[in-house]
Amino acid sequence: MDILKIALAEDHPMLRKSLVAFLSLKNNIQVVVQAENGQELLDKLKTSKVDIVILDIQMPVLDGIATLKQLKSDYPNSKVIMFSTWYSNHTVTKLKKMGANACVSKSEPEKLLDSIYSLS
């Protein structure tokens, strides 16, 4: 299996570092882009090719929803996992209509891996 290249946008440094460490435990996953907000992510994606983007919804500068819109405009085939603390059915439906491939709660990190593998 090829290495899955991941981009991660998460504004909380501790959670971002923890997620990178968690994902790095898998031999076939490599976090190649880390960003504190959506704008930083979009800037870094101009020079980095990734397989999957993991996006926090609530971030400063450019939040996950605005970033999702821009990602789908700039990279229509991008695979995106929205990662947040809470989802309503309405929010999940809205995000999927916007192009998100999956929505995962931060309280269920094991589902993050399931989503990554299902998109690969």
Protein backbone atom coordinates (compact mmCIF):
# COMPACT_ATOMS: atom_id res chain seq x y z
CA MET A 1 0.00 0.00 0.00
CA ASP A 2 1.24 3.47 -0.89
CA ILE A 3 1.90 6.10 1.74
CA LEU A 4 -1.18 8.29 2.31
CA LYS A 5 -0.17 11.94 2.42
CA ILE A 6 -2.30 13.95 4.82
CA ALA A 7 -2.81 17.69 5.29
CA LEU A 8 -4.09 18.75 8.70
CA ALA A 9 -5.58 22.13 9.61
CA GLU A 10 -6.19 22.46 13.35
CA ASP A 11 -5.73 25.65 15.37
CA HIS A 12 -5.06 24.07 18.78
CA PRO A 13 -1.32 23.24 18.89
CA MET A 14 -1.65 20.41 21.44
CA LEU A 15 -4.39 18.66 19.49
CA ARG A 16 -2.57 19.18 16.17
CA LYS A 17 0.65 17.68 17.56
CA SER A 18 -1.28 14.81 19.16
CA LEU A 19 -3.05 14.03 15.90
CA VAL A 20 0.22 14.07 13.97
CA ALA A 21 1.74 11.68 16.53
CA PHE A 22 -1.37 9.44 16.45
CA LEU A 23 -1.46 9.28 12.64
CA SER A 24 2.30 8.77 12.43
CA LEU A 25 1.97 5.50 14.34
CA LYS A 26 0.59 4.02 11.12
CA ASN A 27 3.32 3.02 8.66
CA ASN A 28 1.24 4.02 5.64
CA ILE A 29 0.19 7.51 6.81
CA GLN A 30 2.36 10.61 6.69
CA VAL A 31 1.22 14.10 7.70
CA VAL A 32 3.01 16.26 5.13
CA VAL A 33 1.19 19.57 5.77
CA GLN A 34 0.27 21.10 9.11
CA ALA A 35 -1.58 24.39 9.42
CA GLU A 36 -3.09 26.54 12.18
CA ASN A 37 -5.90 27.83 9.97
CA GLY A 38 -7.47 27.43 6.58
CA GLN A 39 -5.50 30.19 4.89
CA GLU A 40 -2.19 28.67 5.96
CA LEU A 41 -3.40 25.29 4.69
CA LEU A 42 -4.38 26.70 1.28
CA ASP A 43 -1.02 28.47 0.99
CA LYS A 44 0.89 25.26 1.79
CA LEU A 45 -1.19 23.15 -0.60
CA LYS A 46 0.11 25.25 -3.49
CA THR A 47 3.46 23.46 -3.10
CA SER A 48 2.44 20.12 -1.57
CA LYS A 49 0.43 17.27 -3.03
CA VAL A 50 -1.75 15.43 -0.53
CA ASP A 51 -4.24 12.57 -0.69
CA ILE A 52 -6.57 13.67 2.11
CA VAL A 53 -7.23 16.94 3.96
CA ILE A 54 -8.41 16.92 7.58
CA LEU A 55 -10.11 20.21 8.46
CA ASP A 56 -11.16 21.58 11.82
CA ILE A 57 -14.32 23.67 11.47
CA GLN A 58 -13.66 26.42 14.01
CA MET A 59 -10.35 28.15 13.27
CA PRO A 60 -9.19 31.76 13.14
CA VAL A 61 -8.36 33.63 9.91
CA LEU A 62 -10.21 31.18 7.61
CA ASP A 63 -12.52 28.62 9.20
CA GLY A 64 -13.08 25.07 7.99
CA ILE A 65 -16.30 25.81 6.12
CA ALA A 66 -14.78 28.66 4.10
CA THR A 67 -11.66 26.54 3.55
CA LEU A 68 -13.79 23.62 2.31
CA LYS A 69 -15.45 25.92 -0.24
CA GLN A 70 -12.08 27.17 -1.48
CA LEU A 71 -10.56 23.67 -1.53
CA LYS A 72 -13.40 22.32 -3.65
CA SER A 73 -13.03 25.28 -5.99
CA ASP A 74 -9.23 25.00 -6.35
CA TYR A 75 -8.96 21.20 -6.05
CA PRO A 76 -12.36 19.74 -7.03
CA ASN A 77 -11.20 16.13 -6.58
CA SER A 78 -9.75 16.70 -3.11
CA LYS A 79 -10.82 14.30 -0.37
CA VAL A 80 -11.78 16.17 2.78
CA ILE A 81 -12.59 14.99 6.29
CA MET A 82 -14.23 17.60 8.51
CA PHE A 83 -13.08 17.21 12.11
CA SER A 84 -14.99 18.95 14.89
CA THR A 85 -16.19 18.56 18.45
CA TRP A 86 -19.88 18.43 17.60
CA TYR A 87 -22.13 17.79 14.64
CA SER A 88 -25.85 18.07 14.12
CA ASN A 89 -27.45 16.05 11.32
CA HIS A 90 -28.16 19.36 9.58
CA THR A 91 -24.47 20.36 9.71
CA VAL A 92 -23.30 16.99 8.37
CA THR A 93 -25.79 17.19 5.50
CA LYS A 94 -24.67 20.76 4.70
CA LEU A 95 -20.96 19.85 4.77
CA LYS A 96 -21.46 16.80 2.55
CA LYS A 97 -23.41 18.90 0.04
CA MET A 98 -20.45 21.28 0.02
CA GLY A 99 -18.11 18.40 -0.86
CA ALA A 100 -16.87 16.99 2.45
CA ASN A 101 -16.27 13.26 2.12
CA ALA A 102 -16.64 12.55 5.84
CA CYS A 103 -17.41 14.25 9.15
CA VAL A 104 -15.69 12.92 12.27
CA SER A 105 -16.11 13.99 15.87
CA LYS A 106 -12.96 14.85 17.81
CA SER A 107 -14.29 12.62 20.59
CA GLU A 108 -13.96 9.57 18.30
CA PRO A 109 -10.39 9.60 16.90
CA GLU A 110 -10.58 5.92 15.92
CA LYS A 111 -13.26 6.92 13.38
CA LEU A 112 -10.74 9.31 11.88
CA LEU A 113 -8.56 6.38 10.85
CA ASP A 114 -11.60 4.53 9.48
CA SER A 115 -12.48 7.59 7.39
CA ILE A 116 -8.91 8.00 6.12
CA TYR A 117 -8.74 4.37 5.03
CA SER A 118 -12.19 4.41 3.46
CA LEU A 119 -11.15 7.40 1.30
CA SER A 120 -7.82 5.93 0.21
